[in-house]
PDB file of all heavy atoms in Angstrom:
ATOM      1  N   VAL A   1     118.013 109.210 125.572  1.00  0.00           N
ATOM      2  CA  VAL A   1     117.483 107.959 125.018  1.00  0.00           C
ATOM      3  C   VAL A   1     115.960 108.024 124.913  1.00  0.00           C
ATOM      4  O   VAL A   1     115.370 107.622 123.925  1.00  0.00           O
ATOM      5  CB  VAL A   1     117.951 106.763 125.875  1.00  0.00           C
ATOM      6  CG1 VAL A   1     117.198 105.501 125.477  1.00  0.00           C
ATOM      7  CG2 VAL A   1     119.429 106.554 125.721  1.00  0.00           C
ATOM      8  N   LEU A   2     115.330 108.539 125.941  1.00  0.00           N
ATOM      9  CA  LEU A   2     113.854 108.624 125.934  1.00  0.00           C
ATOM     10  C   LEU A   2     113.351 109.632 124.907  1.00  0.00           C
ATOM     11  O   LEU A   2     112.296 109.456 124.314  1.00  0.00           O
ATOM     12  CB  LEU A   2     113.318 109.020 127.318  1.00  0.00           C
ATOM     13  CG  LEU A   2     113.471 107.917 128.386  1.00  0.00           C
ATOM     14  CD1 LEU A   2     113.054 108.483 129.747  1.00  0.00           C
ATOM     15  CD2 LEU A   2     112.670 106.713 128.074  1.00  0.00           C
ATOM     16  N   GLY A   3     114.113 110.698 124.674  1.00  0.00           N
ATOM     17  CA  GLY A   3     113.670 111.729 123.725  1.00  0.00           C
ATOM     18  C   GLY A   3     113.950 111.366 122.278  1.00  0.00           C
ATOM     19  O   GLY A   3     113.286 111.886 121.384  1.00  0.00           O
ATOM     20  N   ALA A   4     114.828 110.440 122.032  1.00  0.00           N
ATOM     21  CA  ALA A   4     115.200 110.110 120.623  1.00  0.00           C
ATOM     22  C   ALA A   4     114.012 109.606 119.802  1.00  0.00           C
ATOM     23  O   ALA A   4     113.818 110.094 118.706  1.00  0.00           O
ATOM     24  CB  ALA A   4     116.349 109.087 120.637  1.00  0.00           C
ATOM     25  N   PRO A   5     113.203 108.685 120.283  1.00  0.00           N
ATOM     26  CA  PRO A   5     112.078 108.230 119.454  1.00  0.00           C
ATOM     27  C   PRO A   5     111.093 109.334 119.164  1.00  0.00           C
ATOM     28  O   PRO A   5     110.495 109.357 118.123  1.00  0.00           O
ATOM     29  CB  PRO A   5     111.439 107.132 120.294  1.00  0.00           C
ATOM     30  CG  PRO A   5     112.486 106.660 121.229  1.00  0.00           C
ATOM     31  CD  PRO A   5     113.346 107.866 121.480  1.00  0.00           C
ATOM     32  N   LEU A   6     110.909 110.263 120.086  1.00  0.00           N
ATOM     33  CA  LEU A   6     109.975 111.346 119.850  1.00  0.00           C
ATOM     34  C   LEU A   6     110.461 112.226 118.710  1.00  0.00           C
ATOM     35  O   LEU A   6     109.664 112.682 117.911  1.00  0.00           O
ATOM     36  CB  LEU A   6     109.832 112.204 121.123  1.00  0.00           C
ATOM     37  CG  LEU A   6     109.214 111.471 122.316  1.00  0.00           C
ATOM     38  CD1 LEU A   6     109.238 112.351 123.561  1.00  0.00           C
ATOM     39  CD2 LEU A   6     107.829 111.001 122.030  1.00  0.00           C
ATOM     40  N   ALA A   7     111.737 112.476 118.623  1.00  0.00           N
ATOM     41  CA  ALA A   7     112.245 113.315 117.555  1.00  0.00           C
ATOM     42  C   ALA A   7     112.124 112.619 116.209  1.00  0.00           C
ATOM     43  O   ALA A   7     111.921 113.276 115.188  1.00  0.00           O
ATOM     44  CB  ALA A   7     113.720 113.678 117.830  1.00  0.00           C
ATOM     45  N   GLN A   8     112.215 111.293 116.176  1.00  0.00           N
ATOM     46  CA  GLN A   8     112.125 110.570 114.934  1.00  0.00           C
ATOM     47  C   GLN A   8     110.702 110.399 114.447  1.00  0.00           C
ATOM     48  O   GLN A   8     110.474 110.091 113.294  1.00  0.00           O
ATOM     49  CB  GLN A   8     112.745 109.169 115.102  1.00  0.00           C
ATOM     50  CG  GLN A   8     114.225 109.222 115.356  1.00  0.00           C
ATOM     51  CD  GLN A   8     114.758 107.857 115.706  1.00  0.00           C
ATOM     52  OE1 GLN A   8     114.036 106.883 115.853  1.00  0.00           O
ATOM     53  NE2 GLN A   8     116.062 107.767 115.853  1.00  0.00           N
ATOM     54  N   GLY A   9     109.709 110.606 115.308  1.00  0.00           N
ATOM     55  CA  GLY A   9     108.343 110.332 114.968  1.00  0.00           C
ATOM     56  C   GLY A   9     107.681 111.430 114.169  1.00  0.00           C
ATOM     57  O   GLY A   9     106.588 111.248 113.634  1.00  0.00           O
ATOM     58  N   ALA A  10     108.275 112.619 114.075  1.00  0.00           N
ATOM     59  CA  ALA A  10     107.636 113.721 113.395  1.00  0.00           C
ATOM     60  C   ALA A  10     107.591 113.500 111.897  1.00  0.00           C
ATOM     61  O   ALA A  10     108.517 112.987 111.283  1.00  0.00           O
ATOM     62  CB  ALA A  10     108.393 115.013 113.686  1.00  0.00           C
ATOM     63  N   ILE A  11     106.453 113.843 111.304  1.00  0.00           N
ATOM     64  CA  ILE A  11     106.284 113.743 109.866  1.00  0.00           C
ATOM     65  C   ILE A  11     106.834 114.993 109.202  1.00  0.00           C
ATOM     66  O   ILE A  11     106.619 116.101 109.688  1.00  0.00           O
ATOM     67  CB  ILE A  11     104.775 113.568 109.540  1.00  0.00           C
ATOM     68  CG1 ILE A  11     104.321 112.177 109.996  1.00  0.00           C
ATOM     69  CG2 ILE A  11     104.524 113.775 108.060  1.00  0.00           C
ATOM     70  CD1 ILE A  11     102.855 111.945 109.798  1.00  0.00           C
ATOM     71  N   ASN A  12     107.559 114.799 108.107  1.00  0.00           N
ATOM     72  CA  ASN A  12     108.087 115.970 107.397  1.00  0.00           C
ATOM     73  C   ASN A  12     107.536 115.993 105.985  1.00  0.00           C
ATOM     74  O   ASN A  12     107.003 115.012 105.491  1.00  0.00           O
ATOM     75  CB  ASN A  12     109.616 115.977 107.410  1.00  0.00           C
ATOM     76  CG  ASN A  12     110.224 114.811 106.669  1.00  0.00           C
ATOM     77  OD1 ASN A  12     109.940 114.618 105.491  1.00  0.00           O
ATOM     78  ND2 ASN A  12     111.070 114.036 107.336  1.00  0.00           N
ATOM     79  N   CYS A  13     107.657 117.168 105.372  1.00  0.00           N
ATOM     80  CA  CYS A  13     107.077 117.334 104.021  1.00  0.00           C
ATOM     81  C   CYS A  13     107.712 116.447 102.945  1.00  0.00           C
ATOM     82  O   CYS A  13     107.033 116.055 102.002  1.00  0.00           O
ATOM     83  CB  CYS A  13     107.142 118.823 103.619  1.00  0.00           C
ATOM     84  SG  CYS A  13     105.965 119.837 104.525  1.00  0.00           S
ATOM     85  N   GLY A  14     108.952 116.106 103.129  1.00  0.00           N
ATOM     86  CA  GLY A  14     109.617 115.202 102.173  1.00  0.00           C
ATOM     87  C   GLY A  14     108.899 113.835 102.167  1.00  0.00           C
ATOM     88  O   GLY A  14     108.653 113.270 101.095  1.00  0.00           O
ATOM     89  N   GLU A  15     108.555 113.335 103.347  1.00  0.00           N
ATOM     90  CA  GLU A  15     107.835 112.056 103.437  1.00  0.00           C
ATOM     91  C   GLU A  15     106.461 112.166 102.823  1.00  0.00           C
ATOM     92  O   GLU A  15     106.024 111.286 102.082  1.00  0.00           O
ATOM     93  CB  GLU A  15     107.680 111.657 104.921  1.00  0.00           C
ATOM     94  CG  GLU A  15     108.960 111.244 105.585  1.00  0.00           C
ATOM     95  CD  GLU A  15     108.706 110.971 107.048  1.00  0.00           C
ATOM     96  OE1 GLU A  15     108.749 111.887 107.851  1.00  0.00           O
ATOM     97  OE2 GLU A  15     108.437 109.768 107.348  1.00  0.00           O
ATOM     98  N   VAL A  16     105.750 113.244 103.150  1.00  0.00           N
ATOM     99  CA  VAL A  16     104.386 113.442 102.632  1.00  0.00           C
ATOM    100  C   VAL A  16     104.435 113.503 101.099  1.00  0.00           C
ATOM    101  O   VAL A  16     103.652 112.830 100.430  1.00  0.00           O
ATOM    102  CB  VAL A  16     103.755 114.702 103.211  1.00  0.00           C
ATOM    103  CG1 VAL A  16     102.433 115.046 102.547  1.00  0.00           C
ATOM    104  CG2 VAL A  16     103.569 114.590 104.724  1.00  0.00           C
ATOM    105  N   THR A  17     105.389 114.290 100.582  1.00  0.00           N
ATOM    106  CA  THR A  17     105.472 114.447  99.125  1.00  0.00           C
ATOM    107  C   THR A  17     105.806 113.142  98.439  1.00  0.00           C
ATOM    108  O   THR A  17     105.171 112.772  97.426  1.00  0.00           O
ATOM    109  CB  THR A  17     106.554 115.486  98.797  1.00  0.00           C
ATOM    110  OG1 THR A  17     106.225 116.723  99.426  1.00  0.00           O
ATOM    111  CG2 THR A  17     106.666 115.725  97.307  1.00  0.00           C
ATOM    112  N   SER A  18     106.751 112.379  98.990  1.00  0.00           N
ATOM    113  CA  SER A  18     107.111 111.109  98.353  1.00  0.00           C
ATOM    114  C   SER A  18     105.997 110.091  98.392  1.00  0.00           C
ATOM    115  O   SER A  18     105.778 109.353  97.443  1.00  0.00           O
ATOM    116  CB  SER A  18     108.388 110.529  98.951  1.00  0.00           C
ATOM    117  OG  SER A  18     108.187 110.100 100.270  1.00  0.00           O
ATOM    118  N   LYS A  19     105.238 110.074  99.486  1.00  0.00           N
ATOM    119  CA  LYS A  19     104.143 109.110  99.602  1.00  0.00           C
ATOM    120  C   LYS A  19     102.955 109.464  98.679  1.00  0.00           C
ATOM    121  O   LYS A  19     102.263 108.594  98.189  1.00  0.00           O
ATOM    122  CB  LYS A  19     103.680 109.016 101.053  1.00  0.00           C
ATOM    123  CG  LYS A  19     104.632 108.249 101.927  1.00  0.00           C
ATOM    124  CD  LYS A  19     104.144 108.206 103.352  1.00  0.00           C
ATOM    125  CE  LYS A  19     105.024 107.394 104.243  1.00  0.00           C
ATOM    126  NZ  LYS A  19     106.384 107.850 104.390  1.00  0.00           N
ATOM    127  N   LEU A  20     102.778 110.771  98.444  1.00  0.00           N
ATOM    128  CA  LEU A  20     101.620 111.188  97.632  1.00  0.00           C
ATOM    129  C   LEU A  20     101.979 111.552  96.184  1.00  0.00           C
ATOM    130  O   LEU A  20     101.093 111.907  95.420  1.00  0.00           O
ATOM    131  CB  LEU A  20     100.944 112.370  98.338  1.00  0.00           C
ATOM    132  CG  LEU A  20     100.428 112.072  99.756  1.00  0.00           C
ATOM    133  CD1 LEU A  20      99.691 113.273 100.328  1.00  0.00           C
ATOM    134  CD2 LEU A  20      99.552 110.835  99.790  1.00  0.00           C
ATOM    135  N   ALA A  21     103.235 111.443  95.818  1.00  0.00           N
ATOM    136  CA  ALA A  21     103.651 111.722  94.444  1.00  0.00           C
ATOM    137  C   ALA A  21     102.851 110.925  93.394  1.00  0.00           C
ATOM    138  O   ALA A  21     102.495 111.443  92.363  1.00  0.00           O
ATOM    139  CB  ALA A  21     105.164 111.519  94.262  1.00  0.00           C
ATOM    140  N   PRO A  22     102.527 109.648  93.655  1.00  0.00           N
ATOM    141  CA  PRO A  22     101.748 108.902  92.670  1.00  0.00           C
ATOM    142  C   PRO A  22     100.324 109.471  92.448  1.00  0.00           C
ATOM    143  O   PRO A  22      99.627 109.073  91.487  1.00  0.00           O
ATOM    144  CB  PRO A  22     101.639 107.496  93.256  1.00  0.00           C
ATOM    145  CG  PRO A  22     102.781 107.397  94.216  1.00  0.00           C
ATOM    146  CD  PRO A  22     102.984 108.787  94.753  1.00  0.00           C
ATOM    147  N   CYS A  23      99.876 110.358  93.312  1.00  0.00           N
ATOM    148  CA  CYS A  23      98.525 110.943  93.194  1.00  0.00           C
ATOM    149  C   CYS A  23      98.496 112.121  92.214  1.00  0.00           C
ATOM    150  O   CYS A  23      97.409 112.483  91.737  1.00  0.00           O
ATOM    151  CB  CYS A  23      98.021 111.444  94.565  1.00  0.00           C
ATOM    152  SG  CYS A  23      97.957 110.161  95.831  1.00  0.00           S
ATOM    153  N   ILE A  24      99.625 112.741  91.947  1.00  0.00           N
ATOM    154  CA  ILE A  24      99.651 113.972  91.170  1.00  0.00           C
ATOM    155  C   ILE A  24      99.046 113.841  89.772  1.00  0.00           C
ATOM    156  O   ILE A  24      98.236 114.680  89.375  1.00  0.00           O
ATOM    157  CB  ILE A  24     101.077 114.587  91.142  1.00  0.00           C
ATOM    158  CG1 ILE A  24     101.468 115.022  92.549  1.00  0.00           C
ATOM    159  CG2 ILE A  24     101.172 115.755  90.160  1.00  0.00           C
ATOM    160  CD1 ILE A  24     102.889 115.489  92.727  1.00  0.00           C
ATOM    161  N   PRO A  25      99.372 112.819  89.000  1.00  0.00           N
ATOM    162  CA  PRO A  25      98.738 112.695  87.675  1.00  0.00           C
ATOM    163  C   PRO A  25      97.211 112.628  87.779  1.00  0.00           C
ATOM    164  O   PRO A  25      96.513 113.224  86.974  1.00  0.00           O
ATOM    165  CB  PRO A  25      99.324 111.417  87.084  1.00  0.00           C
ATOM    166  CG  PRO A  25     100.618 111.220  87.779  1.00  0.00           C
ATOM    167  CD  PRO A  25     100.418 111.762  89.186  1.00  0.00           C
ATOM    168  N   TYR A  26      96.707 111.905  88.770  1.00  0.00           N
ATOM    169  CA  TYR A  26      95.265 111.803  88.975  1.00  0.00           C
ATOM    170  C   TYR A  26      94.657 113.202  89.303  1.00  0.00           C
ATOM    171  O   TYR A  26      93.644 113.583  88.746  1.00  0.00           O
ATOM    172  CB  TYR A  26      94.935 110.810  90.083  1.00  0.00           C
ATOM    173  CG  TYR A  26      93.478 110.819  90.479  1.00  0.00           C
ATOM    174  CD1 TYR A  26      92.519 110.124  89.749  1.00  0.00           C
ATOM    175  CD2 TYR A  26      93.033 111.524  91.626  1.00  0.00           C
ATOM    176  CE1 TYR A  26      91.178 110.126  90.094  1.00  0.00           C
ATOM    177  CE2 TYR A  26      91.697 111.534  91.972  1.00  0.00           C
ATOM    178  CZ  TYR A  26      90.779 110.846  91.233  1.00  0.00           C
ATOM    179  OH  TYR A  26      89.442 110.867  91.561  1.00  0.00           O
ATOM    180  N   LEU A  27      95.345 113.920  90.175  1.00  0.00           N
ATOM    181  CA  LEU A  27      94.850 115.227  90.607  1.00  0.00           C
ATOM    182  C   LEU A  27      94.930 116.284  89.525  1.00  0.00           C
ATOM    183  O   LEU A  27      94.248 117.296  89.588  1.00  0.00           O
ATOM    184  CB  LEU A  27      95.619 115.700  91.859  1.00  0.00           C
ATOM    185  CG  LEU A  27      95.428 114.831  93.092  1.00  0.00           C
ATOM    186  CD1 LEU A  27      96.337 115.292  94.231  1.00  0.00           C
ATOM    187  CD2 LEU A  27      93.955 114.844  93.541  1.00  0.00           C
ATOM    188  N   LYS A  28      95.779 116.050  88.535  1.00  0.00           N
ATOM    189  CA  LYS A  28      95.891 117.002  87.419  1.00  0.00           C
ATOM    190  C   LYS A  28      94.987 116.611  86.238  1.00  0.00           C
ATOM    191  O   LYS A  28      94.850 117.359  85.287  1.00  0.00           O
ATOM    192  CB  LYS A  28      97.328 117.088  86.909  1.00  0.00           C
ATOM    193  CG  LYS A  28      98.227 117.878  87.854  1.00  0.00           C
ATOM    194  CD  LYS A  28      99.601 118.036  87.246  1.00  0.00           C
ATOM    195  CE  LYS A  28     100.401 119.086  87.947  1.00  0.00           C
ATOM    196  NZ  LYS A  28     101.611 119.435  87.239  1.00  0.00           N
ATOM    197  N   GLY A  29      94.379 115.427  86.310  1.00  0.00           N
ATOM    198  CA  GLY A  29      93.551 114.953  85.238  1.00  0.00           C
ATOM    199  C   GLY A  29      92.131 115.500  85.319  1.00  0.00           C
ATOM    200  O   GLY A  29      91.779 116.279  86.204  1.00  0.00           O
ATOM    201  N   PRO A  30      91.285 115.046  84.377  1.00  0.00           N
ATOM    202  CA  PRO A  30      89.920 115.533  84.322  1.00  0.00           C
ATOM    203  C   PRO A  30      89.007 114.962  85.423  1.00  0.00           C
ATOM    204  O   PRO A  30      87.919 115.453  85.664  1.00  0.00           O
ATOM    205  CB  PRO A  30      89.438 115.045  82.938  1.00  0.00           C
ATOM    206  CG  PRO A  30      90.248 113.839  82.670  1.00  0.00           C
ATOM    207  CD  PRO A  30      91.580 114.090  83.324  1.00  0.00           C
ATOM    208  N   GLY A  31      89.476 113.921  86.124  1.00  0.00           N
ATOM    209  CA  GLY A  31      88.653 113.315  87.169  1.00  0.00           C
ATOM    210  C   GLY A  31      87.763 112.225  86.613  1.00  0.00           C
ATOM    211  O   GLY A  31      87.668 112.030  85.398  1.00  0.00           O
ATOM    212  N   GLY A  32      87.138 111.506  87.488  1.00  0.00           N
ATOM    213  CA  GLY A  32      86.229 110.451  87.056  1.00  0.00           C
ATOM    214  C   GLY A  32      86.930 109.128  86.847  1.00  0.00           C
ATOM    215  O   GLY A  32      86.267 108.108  86.808  1.00  0.00           O
ATOM    216  N   GLY A  33      88.233 109.118  86.687  1.00  0.00           N
ATOM    217  CA  GLY A  33      88.959 107.868  86.506  1.00  0.00           C
ATOM    218  C   GLY A  33      89.287 107.208  87.819  1.00  0.00           C
ATOM    219  O   GLY A  33      88.988 107.731  88.908  1.00  0.00           O
ATOM    220  N   ALA A  34      89.874 106.057  87.708  1.00  0.00           N
ATOM    221  CA  ALA A  34      90.261 105.312  88.918  1.00  0.00           C
ATOM    222  C   ALA A  34      91.487 105.955  89.540  1.00  0.00           C
ATOM    223  O   ALA A  34      92.375 106.442  88.849  1.00  0.00           O
ATOM    224  CB  ALA A  34      90.574 103.863  88.546  1.00  0.00           C
ATOM    225  N   VAL A  35      91.491 105.950  90.873  1.00  0.00           N
ATOM    226  CA  VAL A  35      92.664 106.456  91.628  1.00  0.00           C
ATOM    227  C   VAL A  35      93.747 105.402  91.512  1.00  0.00           C
ATOM    228  O   VAL A  35      93.491 104.220  91.728  1.00  0.00           O
ATOM    229  CB  VAL A  35      92.308 106.728  93.093  1.00  0.00           C
ATOM    230  CG1 VAL A  35      93.506 107.196  93.859  1.00  0.00           C
ATOM    231  CG2 VAL A  35      91.177 107.762  93.198  1.00  0.00           C
ATOM    232  N   PRO A  36      94.977 105.801  91.135  1.00  0.00           N
ATOM    233  CA  PRO A  36      96.072 104.813  91.058  1.00  0.00           C
ATOM    234  C   PRO A  36      96.279 104.086  92.402  1.00  0.00           C
ATOM    235  O   PRO A  36      96.292 104.731  93.460  1.00  0.00           O
ATOM    236  CB  PRO A  36      97.290 105.652  90.692  1.00  0.00           C
ATOM    237  CG  PRO A  36      96.739 106.909  90.137  1.00  0.00           C
ATOM    238  CD  PRO A  36      95.424 107.138  90.813  1.00  0.00           C
ATOM    239  N   PRO A  37      96.464 102.766  92.357  1.00  0.00           N
ATOM    240  CA  PRO A  37      96.689 102.008  93.612  1.00  0.00           C
ATOM    241  C   PRO A  37      97.881 102.542  94.435  1.00  0.00           C
ATOM    242  O   PRO A  37      97.788 102.570  95.675  1.00  0.00           O
ATOM    243  CB  PRO A  37      96.967 100.589  93.118  1.00  0.00           C
ATOM    244  CG  PRO A  37      96.280 100.502  91.782  1.00  0.00           C
ATOM    245  CD  PRO A  37      96.380 101.880  91.197  1.00  0.00           C
ATOM    246  N   ALA A  38      98.931 102.976  93.750  1.00  0.00           N
ATOM    247  CA  ALA A  38     100.084 103.533  94.486  1.00  0.00           C
ATOM    248  C   ALA A  38      99.727 104.809  95.237  1.00  0.00           C
ATOM    249  O   ALA A  38     100.259 105.086  96.309  1.00  0.00           O
ATOM    250  CB  ALA A  38     101.259 103.790  93.546  1.00  0.00           C
ATOM    251  N   CYS A  39      98.795 105.579  94.718  1.00  0.00           N
ATOM    252  CA  CYS A  39      98.305 106.765  95.341  1.00  0.00           C
ATOM    253  C   CYS A  39      97.590 106.413  96.658  1.00  0.00           C
ATOM    254  O   CYS A  39      97.868 106.954  97.728  1.00  0.00           O
ATOM    255  CB  CYS A  39      97.412 107.547  94.421  1.00  0.00           C
ATOM    256  SG  CYS A  39      96.543 108.964  95.175  1.00  0.00           S
ATOM    257  N   CYS A  40      96.627 105.483  96.558  1.00  0.00           N
ATOM    258  CA  CYS A  40      95.897 105.041  97.729  1.00  0.00           C
ATOM    259  C   CYS A  40      96.828 104.407  98.786  1.00  0.00           C
ATOM    260  O   CYS A  40      96.643 104.606  99.997  1.00  0.00           O
ATOM    261  CB  CYS A  40      94.780 104.085  97.362  1.00  0.00           C
ATOM    262  SG  CYS A  40      93.371 104.896  96.593  1.00  0.00           S
ATOM    263  N   SER A  41      97.809 103.683  98.315  1.00  0.00           N
ATOM    264  CA  SER A  41      98.760 103.073  99.240  1.00  0.00           C
ATOM    265  C   SER A  41      99.489 104.142 100.019  1.00  0.00           C
ATOM    266  O   SER A  41      99.672 104.041 101.239  1.00  0.00           O
ATOM    267  CB  SER A  41      99.742 102.200  98.468  1.00  0.00           C
ATOM    268  OG  SER A  41     100.728 101.713  99.316  1.00  0.00           O
TER     269      SER A  41
END
């Protein structure tokens, strides 16, 4: 029971990718534009 929350707390690449997916169009663009709000979120 004590170890269960520790195992759930680890960040995985699937989470990172899904949270930062809205940033990809900005990162592939020429730059200088506004960062999409969903990216910053």
